[in-house]
Amino acid sequence: KANISLSADKTIDGKGKALVAGLFNG
């Protein structure tokens, strides 16, 4: 969801990037 305010062990800046599922090599 937008604007998750919880702190995390690791934060990644996703600006300029798209998120997709990991690829599967069958």
mmCIF file of all heavy atoms, coordinates in Angstrom:
data_MODEL
# 
_entry.id   MODEL 
# 
loop_
_atom_site.group_PDB 
_atom_site.id 
_atom_site.type_symbol 
_atom_site.label_atom_id 
_atom_site.label_alt_id 
_atom_site.label_comp_id 
_atom_site.label_asym_id 
_atom_site.label_entity_id 
_atom_site.label_seq_id 
_atom_site.pdbx_PDB_ins_code 
_atom_site.Cartn_x 
_atom_site.Cartn_y 
_atom_site.Cartn_z 
_atom_site.occupancy 
_atom_site.B_iso_or_equiv 
_atom_site.pdbx_formal_charge 
_atom_site.auth_seq_id 
_atom_site.auth_comp_id 
_atom_site.auth_asym_id 
_atom_site.auth_atom_id 
_atom_site.pdbx_PDB_model_num 
ATOM 1   N N   . LYS A 1 1  ? 0.856  -1.192  0.000   1.00 0.00 ? 1  LYS A N   1 
ATOM 2   C CA  . LYS A 1 1  ? 0.000  0.000   0.000   1.00 0.00 ? 1  LYS A CA  1 
ATOM 3   C C   . LYS A 1 1  ? 0.893  1.244   0.000   1.00 0.00 ? 1  LYS A C   1 
ATOM 4   O O   . LYS A 1 1  ? 2.087  1.172   0.283   1.00 0.00 ? 1  LYS A O   1 
ATOM 5   C CB  . LYS A 1 1  ? -0.935 0.017   1.208   1.00 0.00 ? 1  LYS A CB  1 
ATOM 6   C CG  . LYS A 1 1  ? -0.249 0.164   2.538   1.00 0.00 ? 1  LYS A CG  1 
ATOM 7   C CD  . LYS A 1 1  ? -1.283 0.185   3.661   1.00 0.00 ? 1  LYS A CD  1 
ATOM 8   C CE  . LYS A 1 1  ? -0.625 0.422   5.017   1.00 0.00 ? 1  LYS A CE  1 
ATOM 9   N NZ  . LYS A 1 1  ? -1.631 0.454   6.109   1.00 0.00 ? 1  LYS A NZ  1 
ATOM 10  N N   . ALA A 1 2  ? 0.309  2.356   -0.319  1.00 0.00 ? 2  ALA A N   1 
ATOM 11  C CA  . ALA A 1 2  ? 1.065  3.608   -0.343  1.00 0.00 ? 2  ALA A CA  1 
ATOM 12  C C   . ALA A 1 2  ? 1.361  4.085   1.073   1.00 0.00 ? 2  ALA A C   1 
ATOM 13  O O   . ALA A 1 2  ? 0.571  3.865   1.998   1.00 0.00 ? 2  ALA A O   1 
ATOM 14  C CB  . ALA A 1 2  ? 0.282  4.677   -1.105  1.00 0.00 ? 2  ALA A CB  1 
ATOM 15  N N   . ASN A 1 3  ? 2.524  4.686   1.232   1.00 0.00 ? 3  ASN A N   1 
ATOM 16  C CA  . ASN A 1 3  ? 2.897  5.382   2.462   1.00 0.00 ? 3  ASN A CA  1 
ATOM 17  C C   . ASN A 1 3  ? 2.893  4.493   3.703   1.00 0.00 ? 3  ASN A C   1 
ATOM 18  O O   . ASN A 1 3  ? 2.311  4.842   4.742   1.00 0.00 ? 3  ASN A O   1 
ATOM 19  C CB  . ASN A 1 3  ? 1.968  6.581   2.687   1.00 0.00 ? 3  ASN A CB  1 
ATOM 20  C CG  . ASN A 1 3  ? 2.003  7.562   1.541   1.00 0.00 ? 3  ASN A CG  1 
ATOM 21  O OD1 . ASN A 1 3  ? 3.078  7.896   1.035   1.00 0.00 ? 3  ASN A OD1 1 
ATOM 22  N ND2 . ASN A 1 3  ? 0.836  8.015   1.103   1.00 0.00 ? 3  ASN A ND2 1 
ATOM 23  N N   . ILE A 1 4  ? 3.537  3.347   3.606   1.00 0.00 ? 4  ILE A N   1 
ATOM 24  C CA  . ILE A 1 4  ? 3.733  2.517   4.794   1.00 0.00 ? 4  ILE A CA  1 
ATOM 25  C C   . ILE A 1 4  ? 4.728  3.230   5.708   1.00 0.00 ? 4  ILE A C   1 
ATOM 26  O O   . ILE A 1 4  ? 5.832  3.570   5.296   1.00 0.00 ? 4  ILE A O   1 
ATOM 27  C CB  . ILE A 1 4  ? 4.256  1.113   4.417   1.00 0.00 ? 4  ILE A CB  1 
ATOM 28  C CG1 . ILE A 1 4  ? 3.197  0.361   3.601   1.00 0.00 ? 4  ILE A CG1 1 
ATOM 29  C CG2 . ILE A 1 4  ? 4.618  0.314   5.671   1.00 0.00 ? 4  ILE A CG2 1 
ATOM 30  C CD1 . ILE A 1 4  ? 3.656  -0.996  3.086   1.00 0.00 ? 4  ILE A CD1 1 
ATOM 31  N N   . SER A 1 5  ? 4.328  3.452   6.945   1.00 0.00 ? 5  SER A N   1 
ATOM 32  C CA  . SER A 1 5  ? 5.151  4.258   7.860   1.00 0.00 ? 5  SER A CA  1 
ATOM 33  C C   . SER A 1 5  ? 5.952  3.425   8.847   1.00 0.00 ? 5  SER A C   1 
ATOM 34  O O   . SER A 1 5  ? 6.717  3.972   9.640   1.00 0.00 ? 5  SER A O   1 
ATOM 35  C CB  . SER A 1 5  ? 4.263  5.245   8.623   1.00 0.00 ? 5  SER A CB  1 
ATOM 36  O OG  . SER A 1 5  ? 3.267  4.548   9.362   1.00 0.00 ? 5  SER A OG  1 
ATOM 37  N N   . LEU A 1 6  ? 5.800  2.134   8.828   1.00 0.00 ? 6  LEU A N   1 
ATOM 38  C CA  . LEU A 1 6  ? 6.522  1.274   9.762   1.00 0.00 ? 6  LEU A CA  1 
ATOM 39  C C   . LEU A 1 6  ? 8.020  1.317   9.479   1.00 0.00 ? 6  LEU A C   1 
ATOM 40  O O   . LEU A 1 6  ? 8.456  1.449   8.334   1.00 0.00 ? 6  LEU A O   1 
ATOM 41  C CB  . LEU A 1 6  ? 6.030  -0.173  9.631   1.00 0.00 ? 6  LEU A CB  1 
ATOM 42  C CG  . LEU A 1 6  ? 4.571  -0.442  10.022  1.00 0.00 ? 6  LEU A CG  1 
ATOM 43  C CD1 . LEU A 1 6  ? 4.206  -1.883  9.696   1.00 0.00 ? 6  LEU A CD1 1 
ATOM 44  C CD2 . LEU A 1 6  ? 4.360  -0.159  11.505  1.00 0.00 ? 6  LEU A CD2 1 
ATOM 45  N N   . SER A 1 7  ? 8.807  1.208   10.525  1.00 0.00 ? 7  SER A N   1 
ATOM 46  C CA  . SER A 1 7  ? 10.256 1.088   10.345  1.00 0.00 ? 7  SER A CA  1 
ATOM 47  C C   . SER A 1 7  ? 10.599 -0.351  9.999   1.00 0.00 ? 7  SER A C   1 
ATOM 48  O O   . SER A 1 7  ? 9.865  -1.282  10.347  1.00 0.00 ? 7  SER A O   1 
ATOM 49  C CB  . SER A 1 7  ? 10.989 1.516   11.617  1.00 0.00 ? 7  SER A CB  1 
ATOM 50  O OG  . SER A 1 7  ? 10.632 0.675   12.697  1.00 0.00 ? 7  SER A OG  1 
ATOM 51  N N   . ALA A 1 8  ? 11.712 -0.525  9.302   1.00 0.00 ? 8  ALA A N   1 
ATOM 52  C CA  . ALA A 1 8  ? 12.130 -1.860  8.876   1.00 0.00 ? 8  ALA A CA  1 
ATOM 53  C C   . ALA A 1 8  ? 13.627 -2.017  9.073   1.00 0.00 ? 8  ALA A C   1 
ATOM 54  O O   . ALA A 1 8  ? 14.364 -1.029  9.201   1.00 0.00 ? 8  ALA A O   1 
ATOM 55  C CB  . ALA A 1 8  ? 11.760 -2.083  7.409   1.00 0.00 ? 8  ALA A CB  1 
ATOM 56  N N   . ASP A 1 9  ? 14.080 -3.261  9.100   1.00 0.00 ? 9  ASP A N   1 
ATOM 57  C CA  . ASP A 1 9  ? 15.515 -3.515  9.223   1.00 0.00 ? 9  ASP A CA  1 
ATOM 58  C C   . ASP A 1 9  ? 16.282 -2.983  8.024   1.00 0.00 ? 9  ASP A C   1 
ATOM 59  O O   . ASP A 1 9  ? 17.433 -2.561  8.142   1.00 0.00 ? 9  ASP A O   1 
ATOM 60  C CB  . ASP A 1 9  ? 15.771 -5.028  9.366   1.00 0.00 ? 9  ASP A CB  1 
ATOM 61  C CG  . ASP A 1 9  ? 15.119 -5.610  10.605  1.00 0.00 ? 9  ASP A CG  1 
ATOM 62  O OD1 . ASP A 1 9  ? 15.248 -4.998  11.680  1.00 0.00 ? 9  ASP A OD1 1 
ATOM 63  O OD2 . ASP A 1 9  ? 14.468 -6.654  10.487  1.00 0.00 ? 9  ASP A OD2 1 
ATOM 64  N N   . LYS A 1 10 ? 15.626 -3.008  6.862   1.00 0.00 ? 10 LYS A N   1 
ATOM 65  C CA  . LYS A 1 10 ? 16.258 -2.539  5.630   1.00 0.00 ? 10 LYS A CA  1 
ATOM 66  C C   . LYS A 1 10 ? 15.216 -1.792  4.814   1.00 0.00 ? 10 LYS A C   1 
ATOM 67  O O   . LYS A 1 10 ? 14.101 -2.285  4.590   1.00 0.00 ? 10 LYS A O   1 
ATOM 68  C CB  . LYS A 1 10 ? 16.802 -3.730  4.834   1.00 0.00 ? 10 LYS A CB  1 
ATOM 69  C CG  . LYS A 1 10 ? 17.244 -3.430  3.410   1.00 0.00 ? 10 LYS A CG  1 
ATOM 70  C CD  . LYS A 1 10 ? 18.574 -2.718  3.366   1.00 0.00 ? 10 LYS A CD  1 
ATOM 71  C CE  . LYS A 1 10 ? 19.058 -2.565  1.931   1.00 0.00 ? 10 LYS A CE  1 
ATOM 72  N NZ  . LYS A 1 10 ? 20.346 -1.850  1.832   1.00 0.00 ? 10 LYS A NZ  1 
ATOM 73  N N   . THR A 1 11 ? 15.563 -0.583  4.365   1.00 0.00 ? 11 THR A N   1 
ATOM 74  C CA  . THR A 1 11 ? 14.674 0.188   3.495   1.00 0.00 ? 11 THR A CA  1 
ATOM 75  C C   . THR A 1 11 ? 15.347 0.370   2.142   1.00 0.00 ? 11 THR A C   1 
ATOM 76  O O   . THR A 1 11 ? 16.524 0.731   2.065   1.00 0.00 ? 11 THR A O   1 
ATOM 77  C CB  . THR A 1 11 ? 14.357 1.559   4.106   1.00 0.00 ? 11 THR A CB  1 
ATOM 78  O OG1 . THR A 1 11 ? 13.700 1.366   5.364   1.00 0.00 ? 11 THR A OG1 1 
ATOM 79  C CG2 . THR A 1 11 ? 13.442 2.353   3.185   1.00 0.00 ? 11 THR A CG2 1 
ATOM 80  N N   . ILE A 1 12 ? 14.600 0.089   1.088   1.00 0.00 ? 12 ILE A N   1 
ATOM 81  C CA  . ILE A 1 12 ? 15.094 0.231   -0.282  1.00 0.00 ? 12 ILE A CA  1 
ATOM 82  C C   . ILE A 1 12 ? 14.321 1.344   -0.970  1.00 0.00 ? 12 ILE A C   1 
ATOM 83  O O   . ILE A 1 12 ? 13.078 1.356   -0.944  1.00 0.00 ? 12 ILE A O   1 
ATOM 84  C CB  . ILE A 1 12 ? 14.930 -1.085  -1.073  1.00 0.00 ? 12 ILE A CB  1 
ATOM 85  C CG1 . ILE A 1 12 ? 15.759 -2.211  -0.438  1.00 0.00 ? 12 ILE A CG1 1 
ATOM 86  C CG2 . ILE A 1 12 ? 15.334 -0.891  -2.536  1.00 0.00 ? 12 ILE A CG2 1 
ATOM 87  C CD1 . ILE A 1 12 ? 15.531 -3.575  -1.075  1.00 0.00 ? 12 ILE A CD1 1 
ATOM 88  N N   . ASP A 1 13 ? 15.037 2.273   -1.584  1.00 0.00 ? 13 ASP A N   1 
ATOM 89  C CA  . ASP A 1 13 ? 14.402 3.342   -2.350  1.00 0.00 ? 13 ASP A CA  1 
ATOM 90  C C   . ASP A 1 13 ? 14.043 2.805   -3.738  1.00 0.00 ? 13 ASP A C   1 
ATOM 91  O O   . ASP A 1 13 ? 14.918 2.463   -4.525  1.00 0.00 ? 13 ASP A O   1 
ATOM 92  C CB  . ASP A 1 13 ? 15.362 4.529   -2.466  1.00 0.00 ? 13 ASP A CB  1 
ATOM 93  C CG  . ASP A 1 13 ? 14.727 5.720   -3.185  1.00 0.00 ? 13 ASP A CG  1 
ATOM 94  O OD1 . ASP A 1 13 ? 13.535 5.625   -3.562  1.00 0.00 ? 13 ASP A OD1 1 
ATOM 95  O OD2 . ASP A 1 13 ? 15.426 6.731   -3.382  1.00 0.00 ? 13 ASP A OD2 1 
ATOM 96  N N   . GLY A 1 14 ? 12.741 2.742   -4.015  1.00 0.00 ? 14 GLY A N   1 
ATOM 97  C CA  . GLY A 1 14 ? 12.288 2.174   -5.274  1.00 0.00 ? 14 GLY A CA  1 
ATOM 98  C C   . GLY A 1 14 ? 12.058 3.186   -6.380  1.00 0.00 ? 14 GLY A C   1 
ATOM 99  O O   . GLY A 1 14 ? 11.558 2.815   -7.454  1.00 0.00 ? 14 GLY A O   1 
ATOM 100 N N   . LYS A 1 15 ? 12.429 4.428   -6.167  1.00 0.00 ? 15 LYS A N   1 
ATOM 101 C CA  . LYS A 1 15 ? 12.211 5.439   -7.200  1.00 0.00 ? 15 LYS A CA  1 
ATOM 102 C C   . LYS A 1 15 ? 12.951 5.080   -8.484  1.00 0.00 ? 15 LYS A C   1 
ATOM 103 O O   . LYS A 1 15 ? 14.110 4.676   -8.456  1.00 0.00 ? 15 LYS A O   1 
ATOM 104 C CB  . LYS A 1 15 ? 12.692 6.804   -6.700  1.00 0.00 ? 15 LYS A CB  1 
ATOM 105 C CG  . LYS A 1 15 ? 11.794 7.418   -5.634  1.00 0.00 ? 15 LYS A CG  1 
ATOM 106 C CD  . LYS A 1 15 ? 12.327 8.778   -5.194  1.00 0.00 ? 15 LYS A CD  1 
ATOM 107 C CE  . LYS A 1 15 ? 11.435 9.379   -4.100  1.00 0.00 ? 15 LYS A CE  1 
ATOM 108 N NZ  . LYS A 1 15 ? 11.989 10.662  -3.595  1.00 0.00 ? 15 LYS A NZ  1 
ATOM 109 N N   . GLY A 1 16 ? 12.232 5.228   -9.594  1.00 0.00 ? 16 GLY A N   1 
ATOM 110 C CA  . GLY A 1 16 ? 12.834 4.915   -10.890 1.00 0.00 ? 16 GLY A CA  1 
ATOM 111 C C   . GLY A 1 16 ? 12.909 3.429   -11.178 1.00 0.00 ? 16 GLY A C   1 
ATOM 112 O O   . GLY A 1 16 ? 13.573 3.014   -12.137 1.00 0.00 ? 16 GLY A O   1 
ATOM 113 N N   . LYS A 1 17 ? 12.226 2.629   -10.368 1.00 0.00 ? 17 LYS A N   1 
ATOM 114 C CA  . LYS A 1 17 ? 12.269 1.174   -10.546 1.00 0.00 ? 17 LYS A CA  1 
ATOM 115 C C   . LYS A 1 17 ? 10.861 0.592   -10.530 1.00 0.00 ? 17 LYS A C   1 
ATOM 116 O O   . LYS A 1 17 ? 9.926  1.195   -10.008 1.00 0.00 ? 17 LYS A O   1 
ATOM 117 C CB  . LYS A 1 17 ? 13.131 0.519   -9.463  1.00 0.00 ? 17 LYS A CB  1 
ATOM 118 C CG  . LYS A 1 17 ? 14.583 0.980   -9.464  1.00 0.00 ? 17 LYS A CG  1 
ATOM 119 C CD  . LYS A 1 17 ? 15.375 0.333   -8.360  1.00 0.00 ? 17 LYS A CD  1 
ATOM 120 C CE  . LYS A 1 17 ? 16.836 0.787   -8.402  1.00 0.00 ? 17 LYS A CE  1 
ATOM 121 N NZ  . LYS A 1 17 ? 16.956 2.228   -8.077  1.00 0.00 ? 17 LYS A NZ  1 
ATOM 122 N N   . ALA A 1 18 ? 10.727 -0.587  -11.111 1.00 0.00 ? 18 ALA A N   1 
ATOM 123 C CA  . ALA A 1 18 ? 9.464  -1.331  -11.088 1.00 0.00 ? 18 ALA A CA  1 
ATOM 124 C C   . ALA A 1 18 ? 9.679  -2.641  -10.359 1.00 0.00 ? 18 ALA A C   1 
ATOM 125 O O   . ALA A 1 18 ? 10.772 -3.225  -10.413 1.00 0.00 ? 18 ALA A O   1 
ATOM 126 C CB  . ALA A 1 18 ? 8.961  -1.586  -12.499 1.00 0.00 ? 18 ALA A CB  1 
ATOM 127 N N   . LEU A 1 19 ? 8.644  -3.110  -9.700  1.00 0.00 ? 19 LEU A N   1 
ATOM 128 C CA  . LEU A 1 19 ? 8.708  -4.363  -8.957  1.00 0.00 ? 19 LEU A CA  1 
ATOM 129 C C   . LEU A 1 19 ? 7.930  -5.444  -9.694  1.00 0.00 ? 19 LEU A C   1 
ATOM 130 O O   . LEU A 1 19 ? 6.766  -5.250  -10.047 1.00 0.00 ? 19 LEU A O   1 
ATOM 131 C CB  . LEU A 1 19 ? 8.119  -4.172  -7.556  1.00 0.00 ? 19 LEU A CB  1 
ATOM 132 C CG  . LEU A 1 19 ? 8.293  -5.338  -6.586  1.00 0.00 ? 19 LEU A CG  1 
ATOM 133 C CD1 . LEU A 1 19 ? 9.757  -5.522  -6.215  1.00 0.00 ? 19 LEU A CD1 1 
ATOM 134 C CD2 . LEU A 1 19 ? 7.463  -5.106  -5.317  1.00 0.00 ? 19 LEU A CD2 1 
ATOM 135 N N   . VAL A 1 20 ? 8.588  -6.576  -9.939  1.00 0.00 ? 20 VAL A N   1 
ATOM 136 C CA  . VAL A 1 20 ? 7.937  -7.722  -10.570 1.00 0.00 ? 20 VAL A CA  1 
ATOM 137 C C   . VAL A 1 20 ? 8.327  -8.985  -9.811  1.00 0.00 ? 20 VAL A C   1 
ATOM 138 O O   . VAL A 1 20 ? 9.258  -8.983  -9.002  1.00 0.00 ? 20 VAL A O   1 
ATOM 139 C CB  . VAL A 1 20 ? 8.327  -7.870  -12.063 1.00 0.00 ? 20 VAL A CB  1 
ATOM 140 C CG1 . VAL A 1 20 ? 7.851  -6.683  -12.873 1.00 0.00 ? 20 VAL A CG1 1 
ATOM 141 C CG2 . VAL A 1 20 ? 9.833  -8.081  -12.229 1.00 0.00 ? 20 VAL A CG2 1 
ATOM 142 N N   . ALA A 1 21 ? 7.600  -10.046 -10.083 1.00 0.00 ? 21 ALA A N   1 
ATOM 143 C CA  . ALA A 1 21 ? 7.929  -11.334 -9.466  1.00 0.00 ? 21 ALA A CA  1 
ATOM 144 C C   . ALA A 1 21 ? 9.256  -11.847 -10.003 1.00 0.00 ? 21 ALA A C   1 
ATOM 145 O O   . ALA A 1 21 ? 9.621  -11.600 -11.158 1.00 0.00 ? 21 ALA A O   1 
ATOM 146 C CB  . ALA A 1 21 ? 6.825  -12.342 -9.760  1.00 0.00 ? 21 ALA A CB  1 
ATOM 147 N N   . GLY A 1 22 ? 9.980  -12.567 -9.153  1.00 0.00 ? 22 GLY A N   1 
ATOM 148 C CA  . GLY A 1 22 ? 11.189 -13.227 -9.615  1.00 0.00 ? 22 GLY A CA  1 
ATOM 149 C C   . GLY A 1 22 ? 10.870 -14.185 -10.742 1.00 0.00 ? 22 GLY A C   1 
ATOM 150 O O   . GLY A 1 22 ? 9.813  -14.831 -10.760 1.00 0.00 ? 22 GLY A O   1 
ATOM 151 N N   . LEU A 1 23 ? 11.762 -14.292 -11.705 1.00 0.00 ? 23 LEU A N   1 
ATOM 152 C CA  . LEU A 1 23 ? 11.531 -15.151 -12.863 1.00 0.00 ? 23 LEU A CA  1 
ATOM 153 C C   . LEU A 1 23 ? 11.755 -16.619 -12.505 1.00 0.00 ? 23 LEU A C   1 
ATOM 154 O O   . LEU A 1 23 ? 12.512 -16.951 -11.600 1.00 0.00 ? 23 LEU A O   1 
ATOM 155 C CB  . LEU A 1 23 ? 12.441 -14.741 -14.013 1.00 0.00 ? 23 LEU A CB  1 
ATOM 156 C CG  . LEU A 1 23 ? 12.281 -13.299 -14.500 1.00 0.00 ? 23 LEU A CG  1 
ATOM 157 C CD1 . LEU A 1 23 ? 13.247 -13.006 -15.636 1.00 0.00 ? 23 LEU A CD1 1 
ATOM 158 C CD2 . LEU A 1 23 ? 10.846 -13.021 -14.938 1.00 0.00 ? 23 LEU A CD2 1 
ATOM 159 N N   . PHE A 1 24 ? 11.092 -17.490 -13.247 1.00 0.00 ? 24 PHE A N   1 
ATOM 160 C CA  . PHE A 1 24 ? 11.148 -18.936 -13.031 1.00 0.00 ? 24 PHE A CA  1 
ATOM 161 C C   . PHE A 1 24 ? 11.693 -19.603 -14.277 1.00 0.00 ? 24 PHE A C   1 
ATOM 162 O O   . PHE A 1 24 ? 11.120 -19.489 -15.361 1.00 0.00 ? 24 PHE A O   1 
ATOM 163 C CB  . PHE A 1 24 ? 9.745  -19.466 -12.718 1.00 0.00 ? 24 PHE A CB  1 
ATOM 164 C CG  . PHE A 1 24 ? 9.633  -20.962 -12.729 1.00 0.00 ? 24 PHE A CG  1 
ATOM 165 C CD1 . PHE A 1 24 ? 10.494 -21.758 -11.981 1.00 0.00 ? 24 PHE A CD1 1 
ATOM 166 C CD2 . PHE A 1 24 ? 8.647  -21.588 -13.479 1.00 0.00 ? 24 PHE A CD2 1 
ATOM 167 C CE1 . PHE A 1 24 ? 10.386 -23.141 -11.989 1.00 0.00 ? 24 PHE A CE1 1 
ATOM 168 C CE2 . PHE A 1 24 ? 8.523  -22.966 -13.492 1.00 0.00 ? 24 PHE A CE2 1 
ATOM 169 C CZ  . PHE A 1 24 ? 9.392  -23.752 -12.746 1.00 0.00 ? 24 PHE A CZ  1 
ATOM 170 N N   . ASN A 1 25 ? 12.811 -20.291 -14.130 1.00 0.00 ? 25 ASN A N   1 
ATOM 171 C CA  . ASN A 1 25 ? 13.430 -21.048 -15.221 1.00 0.00 ? 25 ASN A CA  1 
ATOM 172 C C   . ASN A 1 25 ? 13.003 -22.508 -15.074 1.00 0.00 ? 25 ASN A C   1 
ATOM 173 O O   . ASN A 1 25 ? 13.484 -23.230 -14.197 1.00 0.00 ? 25 ASN A O   1 
ATOM 174 C CB  . ASN A 1 25 ? 14.955 -20.912 -15.138 1.00 0.00 ? 25 ASN A CB  1 
ATOM 175 C CG  . ASN A 1 25 ? 15.668 -21.514 -16.322 1.00 0.00 ? 25 ASN A CG  1 
ATOM 176 O OD1 . ASN A 1 25 ? 15.120 -22.347 -17.042 1.00 0.00 ? 25 ASN A OD1 1 
ATOM 177 N ND2 . ASN A 1 25 ? 16.907 -21.116 -16.536 1.00 0.00 ? 25 ASN A ND2 1 
ATOM 178 N N   . GLY A 1 26 ? 12.110 -22.939 -15.946 1.00 0.00 ? 26 GLY A N   1 
ATOM 179 C CA  . GLY A 1 26 ? 11.465 -24.242 -15.775 1.00 0.00 ? 26 GLY A CA  1 
ATOM 180 C C   . GLY A 1 26 ? 12.267 -25.452 -16.173 1.00 0.00 ? 26 GLY A C   1 
ATOM 181 O O   . GLY A 1 26 ? 11.845 -26.590 -15.897 1.00 0.00 ? 26 GLY A O   1 
# 
